[in-house]
Amino acid sequence: MDRLELILASGSPRRRQLLEMLSLPFQVIVTDADEEIRPSWAPGRAVEELAERKLAVALSRIDVPNTIAIAADTVVVADGTILGKPKDENEAYDMLQRLRGTSHEVFTGVAVYNMQNGKSRTFHEVTRVWMYEKDEDWLRWYIATGEPMDKAGSYAIQGVGSLLVERIEGDYFNVVGLPIGRLALTLEELGAPLQSLLNDEG
């Protein structure tokens, strides 16, 4: 059986870095899928729906049969309210004000499709994050670094935003944007264990 080719349907540099950390060869398809979230959706359903939309767009552009495609979407949830990426610095500040000194949840939805056997899975992972009580000047300084502007919830746990984080409960990599342990188990369920995606030289 030919080695499977891996496609990541995401423009997120964080997700790319996580796959690179595993030494997995892959290609990226940046999708323009609709990211609107219906108010009636629970967070878990929302991230799964968004991941499936991204996956559908990516699959429409793939013509190689020995392919496994992965799509993901991440949101932050504070007191039941879904926080996506900030539109501007003011919204980033409002989000960080809301998160500081308390806890919130990070949801990542992942959709995977193995084109070789037609099997697919969609799941979501949840991690709880506790934040330090940072003052207004610190939050303004952090926003000025530019790091919050393309991050769900306006912070990056793997960057300067790590200074905000007191502790977490759950999968750290889920907060970064891709729960790689759960993803590995899912790939096995789909008949595509990680070792089948590695280059022959390993």
C-alpha atoms as a PDB file:
ATOM      1  CA  MET A   1       0.000   0.000   0.000  1.00  0.00           C
ATOM      2  CA  ASP A   2       1.357   3.433  -0.952  1.00  0.00           C
ATOM      3  CA  ARG A   3       2.352   5.803   1.822  1.00  0.00           C
ATOM      4  CA  LEU A   4      -0.357   8.291   2.685  1.00  0.00           C
ATOM      5  CA  GLU A   5       0.186  11.988   2.002  1.00  0.00           C
ATOM      6  CA  LEU A   6      -0.822  14.368   4.772  1.00  0.00           C
ATOM      7  CA  ILE A   7      -2.713  17.621   4.129  1.00  0.00           C
ATOM      8  CA  LEU A   8      -3.246  20.249   6.832  1.00  0.00           C
ATOM      9  CA  ALA A   9      -6.285  22.389   6.017  1.00  0.00           C
ATOM     10  CA  SER A  10      -5.233  25.368   8.112  1.00  0.00           C
ATOM     11  CA  GLY A  11      -3.240  28.539   7.720  1.00  0.00           C
ATOM     12  CA  SER A  12      -2.241  28.510  11.401  1.00  0.00           C
ATOM     13  CA  PRO A  13       1.535  28.604  11.868  1.00  0.00           C
ATOM     14  CA  ARG A  14       1.029  27.050  15.325  1.00  0.00           C
ATOM     15  CA  ARG A  15      -0.588  23.935  13.856  1.00  0.00           C
ATOM     16  CA  ARG A  16       2.130  23.689  11.242  1.00  0.00           C
ATOM     17  CA  GLN A  17       4.772  23.861  13.967  1.00  0.00           C
ATOM     18  CA  LEU A  18       3.125  21.063  15.932  1.00  0.00           C
ATOM     19  CA  LEU A  19       3.145  18.725  12.926  1.00  0.00           C
ATOM     20  CA  GLU A  20       6.741  19.717  12.174  1.00  0.00           C
ATOM     21  CA  MET A  21       7.611  18.872  15.790  1.00  0.00           C
ATOM     22  CA  LEU A  22       6.473  15.305  15.031  1.00  0.00           C
ATOM     23  CA  SER A  23       8.696  15.237  11.919  1.00  0.00           C
ATOM     24  CA  LEU A  24       5.648  14.635   9.731  1.00  0.00           C
ATOM     25  CA  PRO A  25       5.888  15.620   6.056  1.00  0.00           C
ATOM     26  CA  PHE A  26       2.765  17.496   5.012  1.00  0.00           C
ATOM     27  CA  GLN A  27       1.325  20.107   2.698  1.00  0.00           C
ATOM     28  CA  VAL A  28      -0.878  23.041   3.663  1.00  0.00           C
ATOM     29  CA  ILE A  29      -4.135  24.127   2.075  1.00  0.00           C
ATOM     30  CA  VAL A  30      -5.399  27.448   3.401  1.00  0.00           C
ATOM     31  CA  THR A  31      -9.177  27.423   3.140  1.00  0.00           C
ATOM     32  CA  ASP A  32     -11.636  30.295   2.906  1.00  0.00           C
ATOM     33  CA  ALA A  33     -14.423  28.428   4.668  1.00  0.00           C
ATOM     34  CA  ASP A  34     -17.271  30.290   6.330  1.00  0.00           C
ATOM     35  CA  GLU A  35     -16.382  30.878  10.004  1.00  0.00           C
ATOM     36  CA  GLU A  36     -19.764  32.150  11.181  1.00  0.00           C
ATOM     37  CA  ILE A  37     -20.932  30.532  14.416  1.00  0.00           C
ATOM     38  CA  ARG A  38     -24.646  30.260  15.127  1.00  0.00           C
ATOM     39  CA  PRO A  39     -25.643  31.589  18.561  1.00  0.00           C
ATOM     40  CA  SER A  40     -27.531  28.368  19.313  1.00  0.00           C
ATOM     41  CA  TRP A  41     -24.438  26.179  18.918  1.00  0.00           C
ATOM     42  CA  ALA A  42     -22.654  24.841  21.979  1.00  0.00           C
ATOM     43  CA  PRO A  43     -18.863  25.429  21.822  1.00  0.00           C
ATOM     44  CA  GLY A  44     -18.079  21.781  21.072  1.00  0.00           C
ATOM     45  CA  ARG A  45     -20.479  21.701  18.157  1.00  0.00           C
ATOM     46  CA  ALA A  46     -19.232  25.076  16.904  1.00  0.00           C
ATOM     47  CA  VAL A  47     -15.585  24.035  16.601  1.00  0.00           C
ATOM     48  CA  GLU A  48     -16.527  20.689  15.058  1.00  0.00           C
ATOM     49  CA  GLU A  49     -18.734  22.412  12.465  1.00  0.00           C
ATOM     50  CA  LEU A  50     -16.002  24.914  11.598  1.00  0.00           C
ATOM     51  CA  ALA A  51     -13.397  22.157  11.278  1.00  0.00           C
ATOM     52  CA  GLU A  52     -15.706  20.174   8.993  1.00  0.00           C
ATOM     53  CA  ARG A  53     -16.266  23.238   6.796  1.00  0.00           C
ATOM     54  CA  LYS A  54     -12.519  23.710   6.410  1.00  0.00           C
ATOM     55  CA  LEU A  55     -12.098  20.026   5.658  1.00  0.00           C
ATOM     56  CA  ALA A  56     -14.813  20.106   2.974  1.00  0.00           C
ATOM     57  CA  VAL A  57     -13.122  23.017   1.199  1.00  0.00           C
ATOM     58  CA  ALA A  58      -9.741  21.283   1.333  1.00  0.00           C
ATOM     59  CA  LEU A  59     -11.132  17.994   0.007  1.00  0.00           C
ATOM     60  CA  SER A  60     -12.653  19.827  -2.967  1.00  0.00           C
ATOM     61  CA  ARG A  61      -9.105  20.852  -3.953  1.00  0.00           C
ATOM     62  CA  ILE A  62      -7.388  17.482  -3.500  1.00  0.00           C
ATOM     63  CA  ASP A  63      -7.084  15.021  -6.384  1.00  0.00           C
ATOM     64  CA  VAL A  64      -4.571  12.590  -4.857  1.00  0.00           C
ATOM     65  CA  PRO A  65      -6.296   9.417  -3.574  1.00  0.00           C
ATOM     66  CA  ASN A  66      -3.643   8.421  -1.010  1.00  0.00           C
ATOM     67  CA  THR A  67      -4.306  11.442   1.162  1.00  0.00           C
ATOM     68  CA  ILE A  68      -5.357  12.034   4.727  1.00  0.00           C
ATOM     69  CA  ALA A  69      -6.652  15.540   5.415  1.00  0.00           C
ATOM     70  CA  ILE A  70      -6.820  17.277   8.786  1.00  0.00           C
ATOM     71  CA  ALA A  71      -8.697  20.484   9.619  1.00  0.00           C
ATOM     72  CA  ALA A  72      -9.066  22.227  12.966  1.00  0.00           C
ATOM     73  CA  ASP A  73     -10.590  25.272  14.600  1.00  0.00           C
ATOM     74  CA  THR A  74     -10.067  26.724  18.079  1.00  0.00           C
ATOM     75  CA  VAL A  75     -12.161  29.047  20.240  1.00  0.00           C
ATOM     76  CA  VAL A  76     -11.949  30.351  23.790  1.00  0.00           C
ATOM     77  CA  VAL A  77     -15.076  30.159  25.946  1.00  0.00           C
ATOM     78  CA  ALA A  78     -15.546  32.491  28.928  1.00  0.00           C
ATOM     79  CA  ASP A  79     -18.716  32.146  31.017  1.00  0.00           C
ATOM     80  CA  GLY A  80     -20.438  30.410  28.126  1.00  0.00           C
ATOM     81  CA  THR A  81     -19.513  33.082  25.563  1.00  0.00           C
ATOM     82  CA  ILE A  82     -17.421  32.052  22.559  1.00  0.00           C
ATOM     83  CA  LEU A  83     -14.426  34.311  21.914  1.00  0.00           C
ATOM     84  CA  GLY A  84     -12.785  34.083  18.515  1.00  0.00           C
ATOM     85  CA  LYS A  85      -9.985  36.232  17.125  1.00  0.00           C
ATOM     86  CA  PRO A  86     -10.134  39.959  17.958  1.00  0.00           C
ATOM     87  CA  LYS A  87     -11.138  42.376  15.209  1.00  0.00           C
ATOM     88  CA  ASP A  88      -8.918  45.173  16.578  1.00  0.00           C
ATOM     89  CA  GLU A  89      -6.846  46.173  19.595  1.00  0.00           C
ATOM     90  CA  ASN A  90      -9.858  47.389  21.551  1.00  0.00           C
ATOM     91  CA  GLU A  91     -11.591  44.039  21.197  1.00  0.00           C
ATOM     92  CA  ALA A  92      -8.353  42.283  22.172  1.00  0.00           C
ATOM     93  CA  TYR A  93      -8.216  44.390  25.322  1.00  0.00           C
ATOM     94  CA  ASP A  94     -11.844  43.632  26.160  1.00  0.00           C
ATOM     95  CA  MET A  95     -11.177  39.901  25.783  1.00  0.00           C
ATOM     96  CA  LEU A  96      -8.072  39.960  27.952  1.00  0.00           C
ATOM     97  CA  GLN A  97      -9.883  42.004  30.602  1.00  0.00           C
ATOM     98  CA  ARG A  98     -12.558  39.347  30.620  1.00  0.00           C
ATOM     99  CA  LEU A  99     -10.071  36.483  30.972  1.00  0.00           C
ATOM    100  CA  ARG A 100      -7.627  37.902  33.535  1.00  0.00           C
ATOM    101  CA  GLY A 101      -7.777  36.640  37.093  1.00  0.00           C
ATOM    102  CA  THR A 102     -10.187  33.828  36.293  1.00  0.00           C
ATOM    103  CA  SER A 103     -10.483  30.599  34.307  1.00  0.00           C
ATOM    104  CA  HIS A 104     -11.837  29.835  30.855  1.00  0.00           C
ATOM    105  CA  GLU A 105     -12.028  26.890  28.474  1.00  0.00           C
ATOM    106  CA  VAL A 106     -10.304  26.343  25.135  1.00  0.00           C
ATOM    107  CA  PHE A 107     -12.135  24.164  22.607  1.00  0.00           C
ATOM    108  CA  THR A 108     -10.449  22.772  19.508  1.00  0.00           C
ATOM    109  CA  GLY A 109     -12.459  20.868  16.938  1.00  0.00           C
ATOM    110  CA  VAL A 110     -10.666  18.481  14.580  1.00  0.00           C
ATOM    111  CA  ALA A 111     -12.006  16.829  11.428  1.00  0.00           C
ATOM    112  CA  VAL A 112     -10.013  14.069   9.718  1.00  0.00           C
ATOM    113  CA  TYR A 113     -10.679  12.185   6.470  1.00  0.00           C
ATOM    114  CA  ASN A 114      -8.749   9.257   5.024  1.00  0.00           C
ATOM    115  CA  MET A 115      -9.299   9.350   1.256  1.00  0.00           C
ATOM    116  CA  GLN A 116      -7.732   5.924   0.868  1.00  0.00           C
ATOM    117  CA  ASN A 117     -10.516   4.085   2.711  1.00  0.00           C
ATOM    118  CA  GLY A 118     -13.235   6.743   3.000  1.00  0.00           C
ATOM    119  CA  LYS A 119     -13.181   6.765   6.807  1.00  0.00           C
ATOM    120  CA  SER A 120     -13.624  10.010   8.735  1.00  0.00           C
ATOM    121  CA  ARG A 121     -13.779  11.272  12.311  1.00  0.00           C
ATOM    122  CA  THR A 122     -14.681  14.586  13.932  1.00  0.00           C
ATOM    123  CA  PHE A 123     -14.017  15.355  17.579  1.00  0.00           C
ATOM    124  CA  HIS A 124     -13.277  18.192  19.963  1.00  0.00           C
ATOM    125  CA  GLU A 125     -10.994  18.550  22.954  1.00  0.00           C
ATOM    126  CA  VAL A 126     -11.390  20.918  25.935  1.00  0.00           C
ATOM    127  CA  THR A 127      -8.704  22.425  28.182  1.00  0.00           C
ATOM    128  CA  ARG A 128      -9.289  24.735  31.141  1.00  0.00           C
ATOM    129  CA  VAL A 129      -6.887  27.656  31.582  1.00  0.00           C
ATOM    130  CA  TRP A 130      -6.418  29.863  34.655  1.00  0.00           C
ATOM    131  CA  MET A 131      -5.045  33.399  34.149  1.00  0.00           C
ATOM    132  CA  TYR A 132      -3.043  35.696  36.408  1.00  0.00           C
ATOM    133  CA  GLU A 133      -4.555  39.036  37.381  1.00  0.00           C
ATOM    134  CA  LYS A 134      -2.499  41.331  35.112  1.00  0.00           C
ATOM    135  CA  ASP A 135      -3.062  45.095  35.273  1.00  0.00           C
ATOM    136  CA  GLU A 136      -4.212  47.386  32.482  1.00  0.00           C
ATOM    137  CA  ASP A 137      -0.701  48.615  31.611  1.00  0.00           C
ATOM    138  CA  TRP A 138       0.543  45.056  31.212  1.00  0.00           C
ATOM    139  CA  LEU A 139      -2.385  44.115  28.977  1.00  0.00           C
ATOM    140  CA  ARG A 140      -1.834  47.210  26.816  1.00  0.00           C
ATOM    141  CA  TRP A 141       1.856  46.348  26.533  1.00  0.00           C
ATOM    142  CA  TYR A 142       1.030  42.789  25.511  1.00  0.00           C
ATOM    143  CA  ILE A 143      -1.422  43.936  22.859  1.00  0.00           C
ATOM    144  CA  ALA A 144       1.252  46.310  21.499  1.00  0.00           C
ATOM    145  CA  THR A 145       3.472  43.291  20.769  1.00  0.00           C
ATOM    146  CA  GLY A 146       0.934  42.308  18.105  1.00  0.00           C
ATOM    147  CA  GLU A 147       0.810  38.714  19.301  1.00  0.00           C
ATOM    148  CA  PRO A 148      -2.883  38.691  20.336  1.00  0.00           C
ATOM    149  CA  MET A 149      -4.268  39.873  17.018  1.00  0.00           C
ATOM    150  CA  ASP A 150      -4.673  36.525  15.239  1.00  0.00           C
ATOM    151  CA  LYS A 151      -5.301  34.358  18.302  1.00  0.00           C
ATOM    152  CA  ALA A 152      -8.576  33.051  19.676  1.00  0.00           C
ATOM    153  CA  GLY A 153      -9.143  34.783  23.005  1.00  0.00           C
ATOM    154  CA  SER A 154      -6.365  37.283  22.189  1.00  0.00           C
ATOM    155  CA  TYR A 155      -3.417  35.368  23.648  1.00  0.00           C
ATOM    156  CA  ALA A 156      -0.846  32.748  22.673  1.00  0.00           C
ATOM    157  CA  ILE A 157       0.054  30.227  25.365  1.00  0.00           C
ATOM    158  CA  GLN A 158       3.192  29.249  23.444  1.00  0.00           C
ATOM    159  CA  GLY A 159       4.406  32.863  23.161  1.00  0.00           C
ATOM    160  CA  VAL A 160       4.541  35.981  25.322  1.00  0.00           C
ATOM    161  CA  GLY A 161       0.992  35.141  26.352  1.00  0.00           C
ATOM    162  CA  SER A 162       2.446  32.316  28.441  1.00  0.00           C
ATOM    163  CA  LEU A 163       3.150  34.995  31.060  1.00  0.00           C
ATOM    164  CA  LEU A 164      -0.597  35.353  31.522  1.00  0.00           C
ATOM    165  CA  VAL A 165      -1.157  31.677  32.305  1.00  0.00           C
ATOM    166  CA  GLU A 166      -1.163  30.507  35.921  1.00  0.00           C
ATOM    167  CA  ARG A 167      -2.014  26.857  35.199  1.00  0.00           C
ATOM    168  CA  ILE A 168      -3.985  24.580  32.922  1.00  0.00           C
ATOM    169  CA  GLU A 169      -6.043  21.434  33.259  1.00  0.00           C
ATOM    170  CA  GLY A 170      -5.975  19.242  30.178  1.00  0.00           C
ATOM    171  CA  ASP A 171      -3.996  19.093  26.945  1.00  0.00           C
ATOM    172  CA  TYR A 172      -1.508  21.962  26.502  1.00  0.00           C
ATOM    173  CA  PHE A 173      -1.276  21.369  22.758  1.00  0.00           C
ATOM    174  CA  ASN A 174      -5.043  21.762  22.519  1.00  0.00           C
ATOM    175  CA  VAL A 175      -4.604  25.367  23.678  1.00  0.00           C
ATOM    176  CA  VAL A 176      -1.913  25.893  21.048  1.00  0.00           C
ATOM    177  CA  GLY A 177      -4.426  24.735  18.435  1.00  0.00           C
ATOM    178  CA  LEU A 178      -4.128  20.993  17.799  1.00  0.00           C
ATOM    179  CA  PRO A 179      -4.548  18.183  20.379  1.00  0.00           C
ATOM    180  CA  ILE A 180      -1.885  15.970  18.857  1.00  0.00           C
ATOM    181  CA  GLY A 181      -2.238  13.064  21.292  1.00  0.00           C
ATOM    182  CA  ARG A 182      -5.946  12.685  20.534  1.00  0.00           C
ATOM    183  CA  LEU A 183      -5.207  13.239  16.848  1.00  0.00           C
ATOM    184  CA  ALA A 184      -2.715  10.353  16.862  1.00  0.00           C
ATOM    185  CA  LEU A 185      -5.329   8.020  18.357  1.00  0.00           C
ATOM    186  CA  THR A 186      -7.865   9.145  15.750  1.00  0.00           C
ATOM    187  CA  LEU A 187      -5.427   8.508  12.909  1.00  0.00           C
ATOM    188  CA  GLU A 188      -4.970   4.956  14.188  1.00  0.00           C
ATOM    189  CA  GLU A 189      -8.763   4.490  14.206  1.00  0.00           C
ATOM    190  CA  LEU A 190      -8.830   5.606  10.569  1.00  0.00           C
ATOM    191  CA  GLY A 191      -6.175   3.112   9.533  1.00  0.00           C
ATOM    192  CA  ALA A 192      -3.441   5.750   9.261  1.00  0.00           C
ATOM    193  CA  PRO A 193      -1.094   5.518  12.260  1.00  0.00           C
ATOM    194  CA  LEU A 194       1.542   8.231  12.460  1.00  0.00           C
ATOM    195  CA  GLN A 195       4.310   5.900  11.348  1.00  0.00           C
ATOM    196  CA  SER A 196       2.476   5.388   8.034  1.00  0.00           C
ATOM    197  CA  LEU A 197       2.759   9.120   7.389  1.00  0.00           C
ATOM    198  CA  LEU A 198       6.490   9.376   7.967  1.00  0.00           C
ATOM    199  CA  ASN A 199       9.064   9.470   5.227  1.00  0.00           C
ATOM    200  CA  ASP A 200      10.733   6.127   4.490  1.00  0.00           C
ATOM    201  CA  GLU A 201      13.935   7.368   6.080  1.00  0.00           C
ATOM    202  CA  GLY A 202      11.911   8.003   9.241  1.00  0.00           C
END
